[in-house]
Amino acid sequence: MNATTNQWLDKSLRLPGVLAAATYRSDSAVTVQSLSPDFEPPAIEHAVKCAADVFAVLRFQQLPAEWLRWEFEKASFYCVCRNDQRGLGLFISKDPRQVNAAEIERFLTEFSHSGGEK
């Protein structure tokens, strides 16, 4: 895990309501961190890889997408894929008292428009 990846994960885990986060690269390398025992790293990694596959299929079908949001019982899963095929996935609490939606959207937009991660 490189310094830039560490920085994105550290920043994301400080956002109110984030339960777990993961980054992925085009070579399928995934880095996971979880703040909740309900979100085990292998499950998070699997979800992020599935999201990466969805982005790839959409790209192949010429239906490019930058963001995905999946709703689960205990959390919402937001995933962003940049043009360089690097992505960030966040599991967010469904309790609106714990989440600052505008801050999370700003963070994901910042990641989406960042580039140059080595």
Protein backbone atom coordinates (compact mmCIF):
# COMPACT_ATOMS: atom_id res chain seq x y z
CA MET A 1 0.00 0.00 0.00
CA ASN A 2 1.59 3.28 -1.03
CA ALA A 3 1.50 6.62 0.79
CA THR A 4 -1.22 8.11 -1.41
CA THR A 5 -3.49 5.11 -0.84
CA ASN A 6 -2.85 5.37 2.89
CA GLN A 7 -3.84 9.04 2.77
CA TRP A 8 -7.13 8.37 0.97
CA LEU A 9 -8.05 5.58 3.39
CA ASP A 10 -7.06 7.61 6.45
CA LYS A 11 -9.09 10.59 5.24
CA SER A 12 -12.13 8.47 4.41
CA LEU A 13 -12.14 6.75 7.80
CA ARG A 14 -12.30 10.16 9.50
CA LEU A 15 -15.54 11.08 7.74
CA PRO A 16 -18.61 10.86 9.98
CA GLY A 17 -20.53 7.65 9.39
CA VAL A 18 -17.87 5.73 7.44
CA LEU A 19 -17.79 2.13 8.65
CA ALA A 20 -15.22 0.75 6.21
CA ALA A 21 -13.25 1.83 3.17
CA ALA A 22 -11.24 0.27 0.39
CA THR A 23 -9.20 1.39 -2.58
CA TYR A 24 -8.47 -0.66 -5.66
CA ARG A 25 -6.20 -0.42 -8.67
CA SER A 26 -6.51 -1.63 -12.23
CA ASP A 27 -4.18 -4.56 -11.40
CA SER A 28 -6.85 -5.81 -8.93
CA ALA A 29 -4.84 -4.84 -5.84
CA VAL A 30 -7.23 -3.89 -3.03
CA THR A 31 -6.47 -2.19 0.27
CA VAL A 32 -9.12 -2.41 2.98
CA GLN A 33 -9.68 -0.84 6.39
CA SER A 34 -12.69 -1.37 8.63
CA LEU A 35 -13.89 0.43 11.73
CA SER A 36 -16.71 -2.01 12.42
CA PRO A 37 -16.64 -5.71 13.28
CA ASP A 38 -19.73 -6.07 11.05
CA PHE A 39 -17.58 -5.27 8.00
CA GLU A 40 -14.86 -7.87 7.70
CA PRO A 41 -12.00 -7.14 5.27
CA PRO A 42 -12.61 -10.15 2.97
CA ALA A 43 -16.25 -9.12 2.47
CA ILE A 44 -15.28 -5.51 1.80
CA GLU A 45 -12.63 -6.61 -0.69
CA HIS A 46 -15.17 -8.81 -2.46
CA ALA A 47 -17.69 -5.95 -2.70
CA VAL A 48 -15.08 -3.57 -4.09
CA LYS A 49 -13.93 -6.10 -6.68
CA CYS A 50 -17.56 -6.65 -7.72
CA ALA A 51 -18.00 -2.90 -8.13
CA ALA A 52 -14.82 -2.74 -10.22
CA ASP A 53 -16.26 -5.49 -12.43
CA VAL A 54 -19.50 -3.53 -12.84
CA PHE A 55 -17.55 -0.44 -13.89
CA ALA A 56 -15.58 -2.52 -16.40
CA VAL A 57 -18.72 -4.04 -17.93
CA LEU A 58 -20.37 -0.64 -18.20
CA ARG A 59 -17.26 0.78 -19.87
CA PHE A 60 -17.16 -2.16 -22.30
CA GLN A 61 -20.83 -1.60 -23.16
CA GLN A 62 -20.06 2.10 -23.73
CA LEU A 63 -22.19 3.07 -20.73
CA PRO A 64 -19.47 4.70 -18.66
CA ALA A 65 -20.26 5.39 -15.03
CA GLU A 66 -18.19 7.14 -12.40
CA TRP A 67 -20.22 6.40 -9.26
CA LEU A 68 -22.20 3.45 -7.92
CA ARG A 69 -24.36 3.27 -4.83
CA TRP A 70 -25.68 0.02 -3.48
CA GLU A 71 -28.05 -0.10 -0.53
CA PHE A 72 -27.78 -2.85 2.07
CA GLU A 73 -29.58 -3.44 5.37
CA LYS A 74 -26.87 -1.96 7.58
CA ALA A 75 -25.06 0.41 5.25
CA SER A 76 -24.90 2.17 1.93
CA PHE A 77 -21.95 1.33 -0.31
CA TYR A 78 -20.57 4.14 -2.45
CA CYS A 79 -17.93 3.38 -5.02
CA VAL A 80 -16.15 5.76 -7.36
CA CYS A 81 -14.00 4.72 -10.33
CA ARG A 82 -11.63 7.21 -11.89
CA ASN A 83 -10.54 7.32 -15.53
CA ASP A 84 -7.28 5.57 -14.56
CA GLN A 85 -9.38 2.60 -13.30
CA ARG A 86 -8.51 3.26 -9.66
CA GLY A 87 -11.41 3.23 -7.26
CA LEU A 88 -12.54 4.01 -3.76
CA GLY A 89 -15.38 2.29 -1.95
CA LEU A 90 -17.00 3.48 1.27
CA PHE A 91 -19.48 1.69 3.48
CA ILE A 92 -21.56 4.40 5.13
CA SER A 93 -23.92 4.11 8.10
CA LYS A 94 -27.61 4.31 7.27
CA ASP A 95 -28.22 6.37 10.40
CA PRO A 96 -28.62 9.95 9.09
CA ARG A 97 -27.57 11.35 12.49
CA GLN A 98 -24.11 9.85 11.98
CA VAL A 99 -23.54 10.93 8.38
CA ASN A 100 -22.73 14.23 6.73
CA ALA A 101 -23.87 13.42 3.20
CA ALA A 102 -22.50 16.63 1.71
CA GLU A 103 -19.05 15.99 3.18
CA ILE A 104 -19.01 12.42 1.85
CA GLU A 105 -20.08 13.59 -1.60
CA ARG A 106 -17.35 16.26 -1.61
CA PHE A 107 -14.77 13.65 -0.58
CA LEU A 108 -15.82 11.19 -3.29
CA THR A 109 -15.84 13.97 -5.89
CA GLU A 110 -12.34 14.99 -4.79
CA PHE A 111 -11.13 11.41 -5.19
CA SER A 112 -12.86 11.10 -8.55
CA HIS A 113 -11.11 14.17 -9.91
CA SER A 114 -7.73 13.48 -8.38
CA GLY A 115 -5.13 11.74 -10.44
CA GLY A 116 -1.53 10.87 -10.62
CA GLU A 117 -1.55 8.26 -7.85
CA LYS A 118 1.42 6.00 -8.48
